[in-house]
Amino acid sequence: MTPTLFSRLIDGSLAAIASLRSLEPAVARASRLMADALAAGGKILACGNGGSAAESGHLTTELLCRLVKDRRSLPAVNLSGDSGFLTATANDYSFNEVFARQVTGLGQPGDVLVAFTTSGNSPNVLRALEAAREKGLFSIALLGRDGGKAAALADLALTVPAAETMHIQEGHQVLLHILCAQVEDILFPGLGLG
């Protein structure tokens, strides 16, 4: 009997999530770098396109509001969220510059850029990673497939080795929750659950 679409999609989701176990040391490092930046007065910038833009917003919301612990707000900016800025920059310069210009204008040395791209090859995300390097930000990229060009540009790449975009995004969703939970645990070890 041929598996149903439902079963195939569930199997793909489970495989993508199971593959994340190999990333545990890199995720711990990413969480520590984010927490250290925040503890030193820095901020987290995040960007992505489409579904990855939604994940960028989700990450920054969990940091600004909370994921698990009832704690103070942490400084985080979703570079994918300002439609006025995005359309002005796309119109006046290029869509490839919409994140890089914000990294240049808002980023400070010691801040962290978290970039989401399922292909690893989105030109505007690649430019953001380049701008982060030029400005002295540490960069973490959540990627898919083989990591694409972004794997070499990011200081730390977290790659979900799935083939389907939806399963890569599901992996990114789990990773962003783990990153935020670990940041909270590092910065607020004595706080209980909210």
N, C-alpha and C. Protein backbone atom coordinates (compact mmCIF):
# COMPACT_ATOMS: atom_id res chain seq x y z
N MET A 1 0.83 -1.19 0.00
CA MET A 1 0.00 0.00 0.00
C MET A 1 0.88 1.25 0.00
N THR A 2 0.58 2.18 -0.87
CA THR A 2 1.33 3.42 -0.97
C THR A 2 0.97 4.34 0.19
N PRO A 3 1.99 4.92 0.86
CA PRO A 3 1.69 5.84 1.96
C PRO A 3 0.90 7.05 1.44
N THR A 4 0.02 7.55 2.27
CA THR A 4 -0.75 8.74 1.91
C THR A 4 0.13 9.97 1.96
N LEU A 5 -0.33 11.03 1.33
CA LEU A 5 0.39 12.30 1.40
C LEU A 5 0.57 12.71 2.86
N PHE A 6 -0.46 12.55 3.64
CA PHE A 6 -0.39 12.87 5.07
C PHE A 6 0.78 12.14 5.72
N SER A 7 0.86 10.83 5.51
CA SER A 7 1.92 10.02 6.12
C SER A 7 3.30 10.44 5.63
N ARG A 8 3.42 10.71 4.33
CA ARG A 8 4.71 11.13 3.78
C ARG A 8 5.15 12.46 4.39
N LEU A 9 4.21 13.39 4.55
CA LEU A 9 4.56 14.69 5.13
C LEU A 9 4.95 14.57 6.60
N ILE A 10 4.23 13.75 7.34
CA ILE A 10 4.59 13.52 8.74
C ILE A 10 5.98 12.89 8.82
N ASP A 11 6.25 11.90 7.97
CA ASP A 11 7.56 11.25 7.97
C ASP A 11 8.66 12.26 7.64
N GLY A 12 8.41 13.15 6.67
CA GLY A 12 9.39 14.18 6.33
C GLY A 12 9.64 15.13 7.47
N SER A 13 8.58 15.51 8.17
CA SER A 13 8.73 16.40 9.32
C SER A 13 9.54 15.74 10.43
N LEU A 14 9.21 14.49 10.73
CA LEU A 14 9.93 13.78 11.78
C LEU A 14 11.40 13.59 11.43
N ALA A 15 11.69 13.30 10.17
CA ALA A 15 13.08 13.13 9.75
C ALA A 15 13.85 14.44 9.88
N ALA A 16 13.23 15.54 9.48
CA ALA A 16 13.90 16.85 9.58
C ALA A 16 14.19 17.18 11.03
N ILE A 17 13.24 16.95 11.90
CA ILE A 17 13.43 17.26 13.31
C ILE A 17 14.46 16.32 13.94
N ALA A 18 14.44 15.05 13.57
CA ALA A 18 15.43 14.10 14.10
C ALA A 18 16.85 14.49 13.68
N SER A 19 16.99 15.07 12.50
CA SER A 19 18.32 15.46 12.01
C SER A 19 18.93 16.58 12.85
N LEU A 20 18.12 17.29 13.62
CA LEU A 20 18.62 18.41 14.41
C LEU A 20 19.52 17.96 15.55
N ARG A 21 19.40 16.71 15.98
CA ARG A 21 20.23 16.24 17.10
C ARG A 21 21.72 16.42 16.82
N SER A 22 22.11 16.30 15.57
CA SER A 22 23.53 16.46 15.23
C SER A 22 24.00 17.90 15.40
N LEU A 23 23.06 18.83 15.50
CA LEU A 23 23.41 20.25 15.64
C LEU A 23 23.55 20.70 17.08
N GLU A 24 23.36 19.80 18.04
CA GLU A 24 23.33 20.23 19.44
C GLU A 24 24.55 21.06 19.86
N PRO A 25 25.79 20.66 19.56
CA PRO A 25 26.93 21.50 19.96
C PRO A 25 26.91 22.88 19.30
N ALA A 26 26.56 22.94 18.02
CA ALA A 26 26.53 24.23 17.32
C ALA A 26 25.40 25.11 17.85
N VAL A 27 24.26 24.52 18.18
CA VAL A 27 23.14 25.29 18.73
C VAL A 27 23.51 25.82 20.12
N ALA A 28 24.20 25.02 20.91
CA ALA A 28 24.66 25.48 22.23
C ALA A 28 25.61 26.67 22.07
N ARG A 29 26.49 26.59 21.09
CA ARG A 29 27.42 27.70 20.83
C ARG A 29 26.65 28.94 20.38
N ALA A 30 25.69 28.76 19.48
CA ALA A 30 24.90 29.89 19.00
C ALA A 30 24.13 30.55 20.14
N SER A 31 23.52 29.74 21.00
CA SER A 31 22.78 30.27 22.14
C SER A 31 23.69 31.06 23.07
N ARG A 32 24.87 30.51 23.32
CA ARG A 32 25.84 31.19 24.19
C ARG A 32 26.27 32.52 23.58
N LEU A 33 26.53 32.54 22.28
CA LEU A 33 26.94 33.78 21.62
C LEU A 33 25.83 34.82 21.67
N MET A 34 24.60 34.40 21.46
CA MET A 34 23.46 35.33 21.55
C MET A 34 23.32 35.86 22.98
N ALA A 35 23.40 34.97 23.95
CA ALA A 35 23.26 35.38 25.35
C ALA A 35 24.39 36.32 25.76
N ASP A 36 25.61 36.01 25.35
CA ASP A 36 26.75 36.88 25.68
C ASP A 36 26.59 38.26 25.07
N ALA A 37 26.12 38.32 23.82
CA ALA A 37 25.89 39.61 23.17
C ALA A 37 24.84 40.41 23.93
N LEU A 38 23.75 39.76 24.30
CA LEU A 38 22.69 40.45 25.04
C LEU A 38 23.17 40.89 26.42
N ALA A 39 23.94 40.06 27.10
CA ALA A 39 24.46 40.40 28.43
C ALA A 39 25.41 41.59 28.37
N ALA A 40 26.08 41.76 27.24
CA ALA A 40 27.03 42.86 27.06
C ALA A 40 26.36 44.14 26.55
N GLY A 41 25.03 44.13 26.44
CA GLY A 41 24.32 45.32 25.96
C GLY A 41 24.06 45.34 24.48
N GLY A 42 24.33 44.25 23.79
CA GLY A 42 24.08 44.17 22.36
C GLY A 42 22.65 43.74 22.07
N LYS A 43 22.38 43.54 20.80
CA LYS A 43 21.04 43.15 20.37
C LYS A 43 21.13 42.06 19.32
N ILE A 44 19.98 41.46 19.06
CA ILE A 44 19.85 40.44 18.03
C ILE A 44 19.08 41.05 16.86
N LEU A 45 19.64 40.96 15.67
CA LEU A 45 18.96 41.34 14.43
C LEU A 45 18.62 40.04 13.71
N ALA A 46 17.48 40.00 13.03
CA ALA A 46 17.10 38.78 12.32
C ALA A 46 16.46 39.14 10.99
N CYS A 47 16.67 38.29 9.99
CA CYS A 47 16.10 38.55 8.66
C CYS A 47 15.82 37.26 7.92
N GLY A 48 14.95 37.37 6.91
CA GLY A 48 14.61 36.26 6.03
C GLY A 48 13.51 36.69 5.09
N ASN A 49 13.24 35.88 4.09
CA ASN A 49 12.21 36.17 3.08
C ASN A 49 11.06 35.17 3.19
N GLY A 50 9.84 35.62 2.94
CA GLY A 50 8.69 34.72 2.92
C GLY A 50 8.49 34.03 4.25
N GLY A 51 8.43 32.68 4.23
CA GLY A 51 8.29 31.93 5.47
C GLY A 51 9.45 32.18 6.41
N SER A 52 10.62 32.43 5.86
CA SER A 52 11.78 32.74 6.69
C SER A 52 11.65 34.12 7.34
N ALA A 53 10.93 35.04 6.69
CA ALA A 53 10.63 36.33 7.32
C ALA A 53 9.73 36.12 8.53
N ALA A 54 8.77 35.21 8.39
CA ALA A 54 7.90 34.90 9.52
C ALA A 54 8.71 34.30 10.67
N GLU A 55 9.68 33.46 10.35
CA GLU A 55 10.52 32.88 11.39
C GLU A 55 11.41 33.94 12.03
N SER A 56 11.88 34.88 11.23
CA SER A 56 12.66 36.00 11.75
C SER A 56 11.82 36.78 12.77
N GLY A 57 10.58 37.05 12.41
CA GLY A 57 9.68 37.75 13.33
C GLY A 57 9.36 36.92 14.56
N HIS A 58 9.23 35.63 14.39
CA HIS A 58 8.94 34.74 15.52
C HIS A 58 10.11 34.76 16.51
N LEU A 59 11.33 34.66 16.00
CA LEU A 59 12.51 34.70 16.87
C LEU A 59 12.56 35.99 17.67
N THR A 60 12.41 37.13 16.99
CA THR A 60 12.53 38.40 17.68
C THR A 60 11.38 38.60 18.67
N THR A 61 10.20 38.10 18.34
CA THR A 61 9.07 38.19 19.27
C THR A 61 9.34 37.40 20.54
N GLU A 62 9.87 36.19 20.40
CA GLU A 62 10.17 35.37 21.58
C GLU A 62 11.21 36.06 22.46
N LEU A 63 12.17 36.76 21.85
CA LEU A 63 13.18 37.47 22.64
C LEU A 63 12.61 38.72 23.29
N LEU A 64 11.84 39.48 22.54
CA LEU A 64 11.26 40.72 23.08
C LEU A 64 10.19 40.44 24.14
N CYS A 65 9.38 39.43 23.93
CA CYS A 65 8.30 39.10 24.86
C CYS A 65 8.80 38.05 25.85
N ARG A 66 8.74 36.81 25.47
CA ARG A 66 9.28 35.69 26.25
C ARG A 66 8.91 34.40 25.53
N LEU A 67 9.68 33.38 25.80
CA LEU A 67 9.33 32.04 25.32
C LEU A 67 8.74 31.24 26.47
N VAL A 68 9.53 31.06 27.53
CA VAL A 68 9.11 30.23 28.65
C VAL A 68 9.12 31.00 29.97
N LYS A 69 10.19 31.72 30.23
CA LYS A 69 10.38 32.36 31.53
C LYS A 69 9.78 33.76 31.57
N ASP A 70 9.25 34.11 32.74
CA ASP A 70 8.73 35.46 32.95
C ASP A 70 9.92 36.35 33.30
N ARG A 71 10.44 37.05 32.30
CA ARG A 71 11.69 37.80 32.45
C ARG A 71 11.58 39.11 31.67
N ARG A 72 12.61 39.94 31.81
CA ARG A 72 12.62 41.23 31.12
C ARG A 72 12.73 41.02 29.61
N SER A 73 12.34 42.04 28.88
CA SER A 73 12.44 42.01 27.42
C SER A 73 13.90 42.06 26.98
N LEU A 74 14.20 41.34 25.93
CA LEU A 74 15.56 41.34 25.37
C LEU A 74 15.54 42.06 24.02
N PRO A 75 16.55 42.88 23.74
CA PRO A 75 16.55 43.68 22.51
C PRO A 75 16.75 42.84 21.25
N ALA A 76 15.76 42.89 20.38
CA ALA A 76 15.79 42.13 19.13
C ALA A 76 15.00 42.88 18.08
N VAL A 77 15.51 42.88 16.85
CA VAL A 77 14.88 43.63 15.75
C VAL A 77 14.67 42.69 14.57
N ASN A 78 13.42 42.63 14.09
CA ASN A 78 13.09 41.86 12.89
C ASN A 78 13.30 42.76 11.67
N LEU A 79 14.34 42.53 10.92
CA LEU A 79 14.66 43.35 9.75
C LEU A 79 13.70 43.08 8.59
N SER A 80 12.87 42.06 8.70
CA SER A 80 11.92 41.72 7.64
C SER A 80 10.56 42.38 7.83
N GLY A 81 10.38 43.15 8.89
CA GLY A 81 9.05 43.57 9.28
C GLY A 81 8.58 44.95 8.86
N ASP A 82 9.45 45.84 8.43
CA ASP A 82 9.06 47.22 8.14
C ASP A 82 8.79 47.37 6.65
N SER A 83 7.52 47.28 6.26
CA SER A 83 7.18 47.31 4.83
C SER A 83 7.56 48.63 4.17
N GLY A 84 7.47 49.73 4.89
CA GLY A 84 7.87 51.02 4.32
C GLY A 84 9.34 51.04 3.96
N PHE A 85 10.17 50.61 4.91
CA PHE A 85 11.61 50.57 4.64
C PHE A 85 11.94 49.58 3.53
N LEU A 86 11.35 48.39 3.60
CA LEU A 86 11.66 47.36 2.61
C LEU A 86 11.32 47.82 1.20
N THR A 87 10.14 48.44 1.03
CA THR A 87 9.73 48.87 -0.31
C THR A 87 10.51 50.09 -0.78
N ALA A 88 10.83 51.00 0.12
CA ALA A 88 11.63 52.17 -0.27
C ALA A 88 13.02 51.73 -0.72
N THR A 89 13.63 50.84 0.03
CA THR A 89 14.98 50.38 -0.32
C THR A 89 14.96 49.58 -1.61
N ALA A 90 13.96 48.71 -1.76
CA ALA A 90 13.85 47.93 -3.00
C ALA A 90 13.66 48.85 -4.20
N ASN A 91 12.87 49.90 -4.03
CA ASN A 91 12.60 50.84 -5.11
C ASN A 91 13.81 51.73 -5.42
N ASP A 92 14.44 52.26 -4.38
CA ASP A 92 15.51 53.24 -4.57
C ASP A 92 16.88 52.60 -4.82
N TYR A 93 17.09 51.40 -4.32
CA TYR A 93 18.38 50.73 -4.47
C TYR A 93 18.18 49.39 -5.17
N SER A 94 17.88 48.38 -4.38
CA SER A 94 17.69 47.03 -4.90
C SER A 94 17.12 46.17 -3.78
N PHE A 95 16.31 45.19 -4.13
CA PHE A 95 15.80 44.28 -3.10
C PHE A 95 16.94 43.53 -2.43
N ASN A 96 18.06 43.41 -3.12
CA ASN A 96 19.22 42.74 -2.53
C ASN A 96 19.80 43.51 -1.35
N GLU A 97 19.44 44.78 -1.21
CA GLU A 97 20.00 45.64 -0.15
C GLU A 97 19.08 45.83 1.05
N VAL A 98 17.88 45.24 1.03
CA VAL A 98 16.90 45.57 2.07
C VAL A 98 17.34 45.19 3.48
N PHE A 99 18.11 44.14 3.64
CA PHE A 99 18.59 43.76 4.96
C PHE A 99 19.96 44.36 5.25
N ALA A 100 20.83 44.41 4.26
CA ALA A 100 22.18 44.93 4.46
C ALA A 100 22.16 46.38 4.93
N ARG A 101 21.27 47.20 4.36
CA ARG A 101 21.20 48.60 4.78
C ARG A 101 20.77 48.72 6.24
N GLN A 102 19.90 47.83 6.69
CA GLN A 102 19.48 47.85 8.09
C GLN A 102 20.60 47.35 9.01
N VAL A 103 21.31 46.33 8.58
CA VAL A 103 22.45 45.86 9.36
C VAL A 103 23.46 46.98 9.52
N THR A 104 23.72 47.70 8.43
CA THR A 104 24.68 48.81 8.46
C THR A 104 24.18 49.94 9.36
N GLY A 105 22.90 50.26 9.28
CA GLY A 105 22.35 51.37 10.05
C GLY A 105 22.07 51.05 11.51
N LEU A 106 21.66 49.84 11.81
CA LEU A 106 21.25 49.48 13.17
C LEU A 106 22.28 48.65 13.92
N GLY A 107 23.07 47.88 13.19
CA GLY A 107 24.00 46.96 13.84
C GLY A 107 25.20 47.66 14.43
N GLN A 108 25.67 47.12 15.52
CA GLN A 108 26.88 47.59 16.19
C GLN A 108 27.80 46.40 16.41
N PRO A 109 29.11 46.63 16.45
CA PRO A 109 30.01 45.52 16.77
C PRO A 109 29.57 44.84 18.07
N GLY A 110 29.54 43.54 18.05
CA GLY A 110 29.09 42.78 19.21
C GLY A 110 27.65 42.33 19.13
N ASP A 111 26.86 42.93 18.24
CA ASP A 111 25.50 42.45 18.01
C ASP A 111 25.57 41.12 17.25
N VAL A 112 24.43 40.45 17.16
CA VAL A 112 24.35 39.18 16.44
C VAL A 112 23.27 39.27 15.37
N LEU A 113 23.59 38.86 14.16
CA LEU A 113 22.61 38.72 13.09
C LEU A 113 22.23 37.25 12.98
N VAL A 114 20.93 36.97 13.03
CA VAL A 114 20.42 35.62 12.79
C VAL A 114 19.69 35.67 11.45
N ALA A 115 20.22 34.97 10.46
CA ALA A 115 19.68 35.01 9.10
C ALA A 115 19.04 33.66 8.77
N PHE A 116 17.82 33.72 8.24
CA PHE A 116 17.09 32.51 7.84
C PHE A 116 17.02 32.46 6.32
N THR A 117 17.44 31.36 5.72
CA THR A 117 17.25 31.13 4.29
C THR A 117 17.27 29.63 4.02
N THR A 118 16.16 29.11 3.52
CA THR A 118 16.07 27.66 3.31
C THR A 118 17.02 27.19 2.21
N SER A 119 17.26 28.04 1.21
CA SER A 119 18.16 27.66 0.12
C SER A 119 19.61 27.95 0.45
N GLY A 120 19.83 28.92 1.32
CA GLY A 120 21.19 29.38 1.59
C GLY A 120 21.72 30.30 0.51
N ASN A 121 20.86 30.68 -0.43
CA ASN A 121 21.33 31.47 -1.58
C ASN A 121 20.51 32.73 -1.84
N SER A 122 19.68 33.16 -0.92
CA SER A 122 18.88 34.37 -1.13
C SER A 122 19.83 35.58 -1.19
N PRO A 123 19.85 36.30 -2.32
CA PRO A 123 20.83 37.38 -2.47
C PRO A 123 20.77 38.43 -1.37
N ASN A 124 19.58 38.80 -0.91
CA ASN A 124 19.52 39.84 0.11
C ASN A 124 20.00 39.33 1.48
N VAL A 125 19.84 38.05 1.74
CA VAL A 125 20.37 37.48 2.98
C VAL A 125 21.90 37.37 2.89
N LEU A 126 22.40 37.00 1.73
CA LEU A 126 23.86 36.95 1.54
C LEU A 126 24.47 38.33 1.75
N ARG A 127 23.82 39.36 1.23
CA ARG A 127 24.31 40.74 1.42
C ARG A 127 24.25 41.13 2.90
N ALA A 128 23.22 40.70 3.61
CA ALA A 128 23.13 40.99 5.04
C ALA A 128 24.29 40.34 5.80
N LEU A 129 24.62 39.10 5.43
CA LEU A 129 25.74 38.42 6.07
C LEU A 129 27.06 39.14 5.78
N GLU A 130 27.21 39.62 4.55
CA GLU A 130 28.42 40.39 4.21
C GLU A 130 28.47 41.68 5.02
N ALA A 131 27.34 42.38 5.12
CA ALA A 131 27.29 43.63 5.88
C ALA A 131 27.58 43.38 7.36
N ALA A 132 27.09 42.27 7.88
CA ALA A 132 27.36 41.94 9.28
C ALA A 132 28.86 41.75 9.51
N ARG A 133 29.49 41.06 8.60
CA ARG A 133 30.94 40.85 8.73
C ARG A 133 31.69 42.18 8.67
N GLU A 134 31.30 43.04 7.71
CA GLU A 134 31.95 44.35 7.57
C GLU A 134 31.75 45.22 8.81
N LYS A 135 30.62 45.09 9.46
CA LYS A 135 30.27 45.94 10.60
C LYS A 135 30.73 45.36 11.94
N GLY A 136 31.22 44.13 11.95
CA GLY A 136 31.70 43.52 13.19
C GLY A 136 30.65 42.79 14.00
N LEU A 137 29.56 42.36 13.33
CA LEU A 137 28.54 41.56 13.99
C LEU A 137 28.90 40.09 13.84
N PHE A 138 28.50 39.28 14.79
CA PHE A 138 28.61 37.84 14.66
C PHE A 138 27.37 37.37 13.93
N SER A 139 27.51 36.43 13.01
CA SER A 139 26.35 35.98 12.24
C SER A 139 26.09 34.48 12.42
N ILE A 140 24.81 34.18 12.60
CA ILE A 140 24.32 32.81 12.69
C ILE A 140 23.31 32.64 11.56
N ALA A 141 23.48 31.62 10.74
CA ALA A 141 22.55 31.38 9.63
C ALA A 141 21.83 30.06 9.85
N LEU A 142 20.50 30.11 9.76
CA LEU A 142 19.68 28.90 9.77
C LEU A 142 19.36 28.59 8.33
N LEU A 143 19.88 27.45 7.86
CA LEU A 143 19.89 27.12 6.44
C LEU A 143 19.22 25.78 6.19
N GLY A 144 19.15 25.41 4.91
CA GLY A 144 18.62 24.12 4.52
C GLY A 144 19.48 23.48 3.45
N ARG A 145 19.08 22.27 3.08
CA ARG A 145 19.76 21.49 2.05
C ARG A 145 21.26 21.39 2.35
N ASP A 146 22.12 21.93 1.47
CA ASP A 146 23.57 21.87 1.70
C ASP A 146 24.12 23.16 2.30
N GLY A 147 23.25 24.09 2.65
CA GLY A 147 23.68 25.35 3.23
C GLY A 147 23.89 26.46 2.24
N GLY A 148 24.08 26.12 0.97
CA GLY A 148 24.27 27.14 -0.06
C GLY A 148 25.46 28.05 0.22
N LYS A 149 25.46 29.21 -0.42
CA LYS A 149 26.56 30.18 -0.26
C LYS A 149 26.60 30.77 1.14
N ALA A 150 25.46 30.82 1.81
CA ALA A 150 25.40 31.41 3.14
C ALA A 150 26.23 30.64 4.16
N ALA A 151 26.40 29.34 3.94
CA ALA A 151 27.16 28.53 4.90
C ALA A 151 28.59 29.04 5.04
N ALA A 152 29.16 29.52 3.95
CA ALA A 152 30.53 30.04 3.99
C ALA A 152 30.60 31.48 4.50
N LEU A 153 29.51 32.23 4.34
CA LEU A 153 29.50 33.64 4.76
C LEU A 153 29.20 33.81 6.25
N ALA A 154 28.43 32.91 6.81
CA ALA A 154 28.03 33.02 8.21
C ALA A 154 29.17 32.57 9.12
N ASP A 155 29.24 33.17 10.30
CA ASP A 155 30.21 32.72 11.29
C ASP A 155 29.83 31.34 11.84
N LEU A 156 28.53 31.08 11.91
CA LEU A 156 28.05 29.79 12.40
C LEU A 156 26.81 29.41 11.60
N ALA A 157 26.85 28.24 10.96
CA ALA A 157 25.72 27.77 10.14
C ALA A 157 25.03 26.61 10.83
N LEU A 158 23.70 26.71 10.93
CA LEU A 158 22.86 25.63 11.45
C LEU A 158 22.01 25.15 10.28
N THR A 159 22.39 24.03 9.70
CA THR A 159 21.78 23.57 8.45
C THR A 159 20.88 22.36 8.68
N VAL A 160 19.62 22.49 8.27
CA VAL A 160 18.66 21.38 8.29
C VAL A 160 18.80 20.68 6.95
N PRO A 161 19.28 19.43 6.91
CA PRO A 161 19.60 18.78 5.64
C PRO A 161 18.40 18.17 4.92
N ALA A 162 17.24 18.78 5.03
CA ALA A 162 16.05 18.28 4.34
C ALA A 162 16.01 18.83 2.91
N ALA A 163 15.27 18.18 2.04
CA ALA A 163 15.14 18.63 0.65
C ALA A 163 13.95 19.55 0.45
N GLU A 164 12.89 19.34 1.20
CA GLU A 164 11.65 20.10 1.03
C GLU A 164 11.68 21.36 1.88
N THR A 165 11.32 22.49 1.28
CA THR A 165 11.32 23.76 2.00
C THR A 165 10.48 23.69 3.26
N MET A 166 9.31 23.07 3.18
CA MET A 166 8.43 23.03 4.37
C MET A 166 9.10 22.32 5.53
N HIS A 167 9.86 21.27 5.26
CA HIS A 167 10.51 20.53 6.34
C HIS A 167 11.72 21.29 6.88
N ILE A 168 12.39 22.04 6.01
CA ILE A 168 13.48 22.91 6.48
C ILE A 168 12.90 23.95 7.43
N GLN A 169 11.79 24.57 7.04
CA GLN A 169 11.16 25.58 7.89
C GLN A 169 10.70 24.99 9.22
N GLU A 170 10.20 23.77 9.20
CA GLU A 170 9.81 23.12 10.46
C GLU A 170 11.03 22.92 11.35
N GLY A 171 12.15 22.54 10.75
CA GLY A 171 13.39 22.42 11.52
C GLY A 171 13.83 23.76 12.08
N HIS A 172 13.71 24.81 11.27
CA HIS A 172 14.08 26.15 11.74
C HIS A 172 13.20 26.58 12.92
N GLN A 173 11.92 26.24 12.84
CA GLN A 173 10.99 26.57 13.93
C GLN A 173 11.44 25.94 15.24
N VAL A 174 11.81 24.67 15.19
CA VAL A 174 12.29 23.99 16.39
C VAL A 174 13.60 24.63 16.87
N LEU A 175 14.51 24.91 15.94
CA LEU A 175 15.78 25.52 16.32
C LEU A 175 15.60 26.88 16.96
N LEU A 176 14.73 27.72 16.42
CA LEU A 176 14.57 29.05 17.00
C LEU A 176 13.98 28.95 18.41
N HIS A 177 13.11 27.98 18.65
CA HIS A 177 12.60 27.79 20.01
C HIS A 177 13.71 27.33 20.95
N ILE A 178 14.55 26.42 20.49
CA ILE A 178 15.65 25.95 21.33
C ILE A 178 16.62 27.09 21.60
N LEU A 179 16.97 27.87 20.58
CA LEU A 179 17.86 29.01 20.79
C LEU A 179 17.31 29.94 21.86
N CYS A 180 16.04 30.30 21.74
CA CYS A 180 15.44 31.23 22.70
C CYS A 180 15.37 30.62 24.10
N ALA A 181 15.01 29.35 24.19
CA ALA A 181 14.95 28.69 25.50
C ALA A 181 16.32 28.65 26.16
N GLN A 182 17.35 28.36 25.37
CA GLN A 182 18.70 28.30 25.93
C GLN A 182 19.20 29.69 26.31
N VAL A 183 18.88 30.71 25.52
CA VAL A 183 19.25 32.08 25.88
C VAL A 183 18.60 32.45 27.20
N GLU A 184 17.31 32.15 27.34
CA GLU A 184 16.62 32.44 28.60
C GLU A 184 17.27 31.70 29.76
N ASP A 185 17.63 30.45 29.55
CA ASP A 185 18.23 29.65 30.62
C ASP A 185 19.59 30.19 31.03
N ILE A 186 20.35 30.69 30.07
CA ILE A 186 21.67 31.26 30.37
C ILE A 186 21.53 32.58 31.11
N LEU A 187 20.66 33.45 30.62
CA LEU A 187 20.56 34.80 31.18
C LEU A 187 19.71 34.87 32.44
N PHE A 188 18.78 33.96 32.60
CA PHE A 188 17.85 34.01 33.74
C PHE A 188 17.75 32.63 34.41
N PRO A 189 18.88 32.13 34.93
CA PRO A 189 18.89 30.76 35.45
C PRO A 189 18.00 30.55 36.67
N GLY A 190 17.75 31.58 37.46
CA GLY A 190 16.97 31.41 38.68
C GLY A 190 15.48 31.56 38.49
N LEU A 191 15.07 32.00 37.32
CA LEU A 191 13.64 32.22 37.10
C LEU A 191 12.94 30.91 36.77
N GLY A 192 11.77 30.76 37.32
CA GLY A 192 10.95 29.60 36.99
C GLY A 192 10.18 29.85 35.71
N LEU A 193 9.37 28.90 35.36
CA LEU A 193 8.54 29.03 34.17
C LEU A 193 7.47 30.08 34.39
N GLY A 194 7.14 30.81 33.32
CA GLY A 194 6.13 31.87 33.42
C GLY A 194 4.73 31.34 33.46
